[in-house]
């Protein structure tokens, strides 16, 4: 049953990436301009791979995940080509007689992260005290490993041409594809904080829980919301929507039209405020109806 669910949900995510999500990023149906293999595509492929991995013993799944994460550099030996780009390198992949696909998130190392996360789920089912101790130990161990290894690596690499401070260079780890240091830096503190965040109560905690109950729904609707707000903000500020900037959205560099930070955070806060009622409604609907299709969104 789990395997079928992962296979179906993974296929749905892969389908959503070039359809609804691409339309939300670009507001265009012109596929000759831009096609993205982004985070949702990657999650879908990894879920489909997990549909096979869940048949293995849990220890093997954990070992596979950690091996892919920490031995990912072996994929650097692959030759150039479309398949290696999807597997590890990322970049531009031209299709014969079709558009160029921009591979932002590759399968490795994220399939390893998903497998390790699946095995980590067994820790979360333990008795609360044992669960909290394990999370704290694992999280602090990963964070400490990052600090030590990144400090040594940054010291050895020396100053860069931009003259950035040591701390900024240490935090500037590779995300595409996600390096071992990037994963230690991000996952370590998150795991260590879980025992404390799990005890959070009050209005702020309930506010965050609304979004946490419907992460996929939030993701699908937040893209058209921020796109529409960006277009409206640019029109009010510059008298132009700068529509050309969205042809290869979402990560283009636009130095001529950059916003001041106060405006960026104001639009961010407005986006979250607009999304909250919709997410609260869907969370309540999902809990009330328990319709089978809501398991996929």
Protein backbone atom coordinates (compact mmCIF):
# COMPACT_ATOMS: atom_id res chain seq x y z
CA UNK A 1 0.00 0.00 0.00
CA UNK A 2 2.81 2.41 0.87
CA UNK A 3 4.65 1.54 -2.32
CA UNK A 4 1.57 2.21 -4.45
CA UNK A 5 0.99 5.54 -2.68
CA UNK A 6 4.59 6.67 -3.24
CA UNK A 7 4.44 5.66 -6.88
CA UNK A 8 1.17 7.49 -7.49
CA UNK A 9 2.06 10.64 -5.57
CA UNK A 10 5.48 10.75 -7.18
CA UNK A 11 3.96 10.53 -10.65
CA UNK A 12 1.53 13.32 -9.75
CA UNK A 13 4.37 15.61 -8.65
CA UNK A 14 6.30 14.94 -11.86
CA UNK A 15 3.18 15.84 -13.85
CA UNK A 16 2.55 19.03 -11.84
CA UNK A 17 6.04 20.44 -12.50
CA UNK A 18 5.72 21.10 -16.28
CA UNK A 19 2.02 21.97 -16.09
CA UNK A 20 0.51 23.86 -13.16
CA UNK A 21 3.79 24.87 -11.52
CA UNK A 22 5.39 26.06 -14.75
CA UNK A 23 2.27 28.06 -15.60
CA UNK A 24 2.37 29.65 -12.14
CA UNK A 25 6.00 30.70 -12.55
CA UNK A 26 5.67 32.12 -16.06
CA UNK A 27 1.95 32.89 -16.67
CA UNK A 28 2.70 31.58 -20.17
CA UNK A 29 1.87 28.50 -22.23
CA UNK A 30 4.80 29.04 -24.59
CA UNK A 31 6.87 25.93 -23.93
CA UNK A 32 9.52 26.95 -26.43
CA UNK A 33 10.87 29.48 -23.92
CA UNK A 34 11.27 27.66 -20.64
CA UNK A 35 10.79 24.27 -18.99
CA UNK A 36 11.93 23.59 -15.44
CA UNK A 37 12.87 20.40 -13.63
CA UNK A 38 12.64 21.91 -10.18
CA UNK A 39 12.15 20.81 -6.62
CA UNK A 40 8.73 19.21 -7.17
CA UNK A 41 9.96 17.18 -10.15
CA UNK A 42 12.86 15.93 -8.04
CA UNK A 43 10.62 15.01 -5.10
CA UNK A 44 8.34 13.10 -7.44
CA UNK A 45 11.16 11.06 -8.95
CA UNK A 46 12.60 10.33 -5.51
CA UNK A 47 9.19 9.19 -4.24
CA UNK A 48 8.88 6.81 -7.18
CA UNK A 49 12.33 5.41 -6.34
CA UNK A 50 11.27 5.10 -2.70
CA UNK A 51 8.35 2.94 -3.86
CA UNK A 52 10.97 0.26 -4.51
CA UNK A 53 13.25 1.04 -1.56
CA UNK A 54 10.52 0.62 1.08
CA UNK A 55 10.51 -3.12 0.37
CA UNK A 56 14.03 -3.33 1.82
CA UNK A 57 14.83 -3.71 5.55
CA UNK A 58 14.92 -0.35 7.31
CA UNK A 59 18.65 -0.57 8.06
CA UNK A 60 19.40 -1.06 4.38
CA UNK A 61 17.26 1.94 3.46
CA UNK A 62 19.16 4.05 6.01
CA UNK A 63 22.51 2.75 4.75
CA UNK A 64 21.53 3.50 1.14
CA UNK A 65 20.49 7.03 2.04
CA UNK A 66 23.69 7.85 3.91
CA UNK A 67 25.84 6.26 1.22
CA UNK A 68 24.23 8.36 -1.54
CA UNK A 69 24.60 11.55 0.54
CA UNK A 70 28.23 11.13 1.57
CA UNK A 71 29.55 9.30 -1.53
CA UNK A 72 27.78 11.54 -4.04
CA UNK A 73 31.05 12.87 -5.43
CA UNK A 74 31.55 9.61 -7.35
CA UNK A 75 28.89 10.87 -9.76
CA UNK A 76 31.32 13.57 -10.86
CA UNK A 77 33.02 10.86 -12.94
CA UNK A 78 29.98 10.62 -15.20
CA UNK A 79 30.40 12.04 -18.71
CA UNK A 80 28.42 15.00 -19.93
CA UNK A 81 24.95 14.25 -21.23
CA UNK A 82 21.25 14.45 -20.55
CA UNK A 83 21.06 11.53 -18.12
CA UNK A 84 24.02 12.69 -15.96
CA UNK A 85 22.43 16.16 -15.86
CA UNK A 86 19.19 14.75 -14.48
CA UNK A 87 21.06 12.43 -12.12
CA UNK A 88 23.58 14.85 -10.62
CA UNK A 89 25.02 17.78 -12.55
CA UNK A 90 21.90 19.79 -13.39
CA UNK A 91 22.04 22.55 -15.98
CA UNK A 92 20.54 23.01 -19.42
CA UNK A 93 19.32 19.92 -21.30
CA UNK A 94 18.13 20.62 -24.87
CA UNK A 95 15.43 18.34 -26.21
CA UNK A 96 15.55 17.30 -29.85
CA UNK A 97 12.98 19.43 -31.65
CA UNK A 98 11.70 20.83 -28.36
CA UNK A 99 12.46 23.26 -25.55
CA UNK A 100 15.51 23.27 -23.30
CA UNK A 101 14.89 21.83 -19.83
CA UNK A 102 16.59 23.63 -16.96
CA UNK A 103 17.47 20.97 -14.38
CA UNK A 104 17.64 22.85 -11.09
CA UNK A 105 17.23 19.94 -8.66
CA UNK A 106 18.88 16.65 -9.61
CA UNK A 107 18.04 13.19 -8.27
CA UNK A 108 21.35 12.77 -6.40
CA UNK A 109 21.79 13.48 -3.52
CA UNK A 110 18.11 14.10 -2.77
CA UNK A 111 17.10 10.47 -3.20
CA UNK A 112 19.61 9.76 -0.44
CA UNK A 113 18.08 12.46 1.75
CA UNK A 114 14.63 10.99 1.24
CA UNK A 115 15.79 7.47 2.07
CA UNK A 116 17.60 8.69 5.19
CA UNK A 117 14.51 10.69 6.15
CA UNK A 118 12.32 7.62 5.75
CA UNK A 119 14.59 5.70 8.12
CA UNK A 120 14.68 8.69 10.49
CA UNK A 121 10.91 8.35 10.76
CA UNK A 122 11.43 5.28 12.94
CA UNK A 123 13.07 7.53 15.55
CA UNK A 124 10.03 9.80 15.63
CA UNK A 125 7.78 6.87 16.58
CA UNK A 126 9.76 6.16 19.76
CA UNK A 127 8.66 7.07 23.27
CA UNK A 128 8.91 10.90 23.54
CA UNK A 129 11.92 11.05 25.86
CA UNK A 130 13.93 8.59 23.76
CA UNK A 131 12.87 10.34 20.58
CA UNK A 132 13.98 13.74 21.88
CA UNK A 133 17.36 12.43 23.02
CA UNK A 134 18.00 10.83 19.64
CA UNK A 135 17.00 13.98 17.73
CA UNK A 136 19.20 16.17 19.91
CA UNK A 137 22.21 13.87 19.57
CA UNK A 138 21.87 13.43 15.83
CA UNK A 139 21.20 17.10 15.20
CA UNK A 140 24.07 18.36 17.33
CA UNK A 141 26.43 15.77 15.85
CA UNK A 142 25.58 16.86 12.30
CA UNK A 143 25.86 20.56 13.19
CA UNK A 144 29.20 20.04 14.94
CA UNK A 145 30.51 18.08 11.97
CA UNK A 146 29.53 20.94 9.68
CA UNK A 147 31.23 23.57 11.82
CA UNK A 148 34.47 21.61 12.05
CA UNK A 149 34.65 20.49 8.41
CA UNK A 150 33.47 23.80 6.94
CA UNK A 151 35.92 25.76 9.11
CA UNK A 152 38.83 23.64 7.86
CA UNK A 153 37.68 23.79 4.22
CA UNK A 154 37.16 27.55 4.32
CA UNK A 155 40.52 28.14 5.98
CA UNK A 156 42.28 26.02 3.35
CA UNK A 157 40.50 27.74 0.43
CA UNK A 158 41.57 31.16 1.70
CA UNK A 159 40.01 34.58 0.96
CA UNK A 160 37.95 35.03 -2.19
CA UNK A 161 38.07 37.84 -4.75
CA UNK A 162 35.01 39.52 -3.26
CA UNK A 163 36.72 39.83 0.11
CA UNK A 164 33.82 38.28 2.01
CA UNK A 165 34.18 37.64 5.75
CA UNK A 166 35.18 34.15 6.89
CA UNK A 167 31.73 33.33 8.27
CA UNK A 168 29.94 34.17 5.02
CA UNK A 169 32.37 32.06 3.02
CA UNK A 170 31.85 29.19 5.47
CA UNK A 171 28.07 29.39 5.09
CA UNK A 172 28.24 29.63 1.29
CA UNK A 173 27.89 25.90 0.59
CA UNK A 174 26.83 24.34 -2.71
CA UNK A 175 23.10 23.71 -3.01
CA UNK A 176 22.86 22.58 -6.67
CA UNK A 177 23.50 19.69 -6.25
CA UNK A 178 23.39 19.79 -2.45
CA UNK A 179 26.83 19.10 -1.02
CA UNK A 180 27.48 17.11 2.13
CA UNK A 181 28.30 20.31 4.00
CA UNK A 182 25.10 21.98 2.80
CA UNK A 183 23.02 19.06 4.10
CA UNK A 184 24.85 18.96 7.44
CA UNK A 185 24.38 22.73 7.78
CA UNK A 186 20.64 22.67 7.10
CA UNK A 187 19.41 19.31 8.38
CA UNK A 188 21.53 19.25 11.54
CA UNK A 189 20.02 22.30 13.28
CA UNK A 190 16.52 21.35 12.06
CA UNK A 191 16.76 17.90 13.68
CA UNK A 192 18.27 19.33 16.88
CA UNK A 193 15.42 21.84 17.23
CA UNK A 194 12.64 19.29 16.75
CA UNK A 195 12.28 18.38 20.47
CA UNK A 196 11.88 22.06 21.36
CA UNK A 197 9.57 23.02 18.51
CA UNK A 198 7.41 19.97 19.26
CA UNK A 199 6.54 21.53 22.64
CA UNK A 200 5.65 24.93 21.21
CA UNK A 201 2.17 26.17 22.16
CA UNK A 202 0.15 29.31 21.79
CA UNK A 203 -1.08 31.42 18.90
CA UNK A 204 2.24 31.53 17.03
CA UNK A 205 2.61 27.74 17.16
CA UNK A 206 -0.96 27.26 15.94
CA UNK A 207 -0.29 29.72 13.12
CA UNK A 208 2.71 27.71 11.93
CA UNK A 209 0.80 24.45 12.28
CA UNK A 210 -1.79 25.62 9.77
CA UNK A 211 0.89 25.83 7.08
CA UNK A 212 2.59 22.65 8.29
CA UNK A 213 -0.58 20.60 7.86
CA UNK A 214 -0.91 21.42 4.16
CA UNK A 215 2.62 21.92 2.76
CA UNK A 216 1.87 20.79 -0.78
CA UNK A 217 -1.28 22.90 -1.02
CA UNK A 218 0.70 25.90 0.24
CA UNK A 219 3.43 25.32 -2.33
CA UNK A 220 1.01 25.08 -5.24
CA UNK A 221 -0.84 28.30 -4.43
CA UNK A 222 2.08 30.38 -3.18
CA UNK A 223 3.76 30.57 -6.60
CA UNK A 224 0.91 32.31 -8.47
CA UNK A 225 0.35 34.56 -5.44
CA UNK A 226 3.95 35.80 -5.27
CA UNK A 227 4.07 36.09 -9.06
CA UNK A 228 0.94 38.24 -9.14
CA UNK A 229 2.16 40.39 -6.24
CA UNK A 230 5.54 40.86 -7.91
CA UNK A 231 3.91 41.98 -11.14
CA UNK A 232 1.60 44.37 -9.27
CA UNK A 233 4.45 45.78 -7.15
CA UNK A 234 6.65 46.40 -10.17
CA UNK A 235 3.79 48.09 -12.01
CA UNK A 236 3.10 50.44 -9.07
CA UNK A 237 6.79 51.16 -8.57
CA UNK A 238 8.09 51.35 -12.17
CA UNK A 239 4.98 51.61 -14.32
CA UNK A 240 6.01 48.33 -15.95
CA UNK A 241 5.36 44.70 -15.05
CA UNK A 242 8.79 43.62 -16.37
CA UNK A 243 7.10 40.57 -17.90
CA UNK A 244 10.30 39.70 -19.76
CA UNK A 245 11.88 38.77 -16.42
CA UNK A 246 9.50 35.83 -15.99
CA UNK A 247 10.34 34.08 -19.25
CA UNK A 248 12.97 32.03 -17.42
CA UNK A 249 11.62 32.36 -13.89
CA UNK A 250 12.02 31.70 -11.00
CA UNK A 251 15.69 32.40 -10.35
CA UNK A 252 16.89 34.92 -12.89
CA UNK A 253 19.18 37.75 -11.85
CA UNK A 254 17.55 41.17 -12.26
CA UNK A 255 19.97 43.84 -11.00
CA UNK A 256 18.21 46.69 -12.82
CA UNK A 257 14.92 46.04 -11.06
CA UNK A 258 16.00 44.87 -7.61
CA UNK A 259 13.77 45.87 -4.72
CA UNK A 260 14.94 47.45 -1.49
CA UNK A 261 14.80 44.98 1.39
CA UNK A 262 11.91 46.73 3.13
CA UNK A 263 9.75 46.28 0.02
CA UNK A 264 10.82 42.66 -0.41
CA UNK A 265 9.87 41.78 3.16
CA UNK A 266 6.63 43.74 2.96
CA UNK A 267 5.51 41.77 -0.09
CA UNK A 268 6.67 38.54 1.60
CA UNK A 269 4.56 39.32 4.68
CA UNK A 270 1.56 40.19 2.52
CA UNK A 271 1.94 36.89 0.62
CA UNK A 272 1.92 34.84 3.81
CA UNK A 273 -1.05 36.78 5.18
CA UNK A 274 -3.02 36.14 1.98
CA UNK A 275 -2.15 32.44 1.99
CA UNK A 276 -3.12 31.79 5.62
CA UNK A 277 -6.95 31.77 5.20
CA UNK A 278 -6.73 29.45 2.19
CA UNK A 279 -4.42 27.04 4.01
CA UNK A 280 -6.59 27.08 7.11
CA UNK A 281 -9.67 26.31 5.03
CA UNK A 282 -7.96 23.44 3.22
CA UNK A 283 -6.55 22.00 6.47
CA UNK A 284 -10.05 21.97 7.99
CA UNK A 285 -11.56 20.54 4.80
CA UNK A 286 -8.92 17.82 4.67
CA UNK A 287 -9.52 16.85 8.31
CA UNK A 288 -13.30 16.99 7.94
CA UNK A 289 -13.81 15.09 4.69
CA UNK A 290 -10.81 12.72 4.66
CA UNK A 291 -11.36 12.39 0.91
CA UNK A 292 -8.86 9.93 -0.63
CA UNK A 293 -7.50 12.48 -3.10
CA UNK A 294 -6.46 14.85 -0.30
CA UNK A 295 -3.70 12.39 0.62
CA UNK A 296 -1.95 13.47 -2.57
CA UNK A 297 -2.27 17.26 -2.10
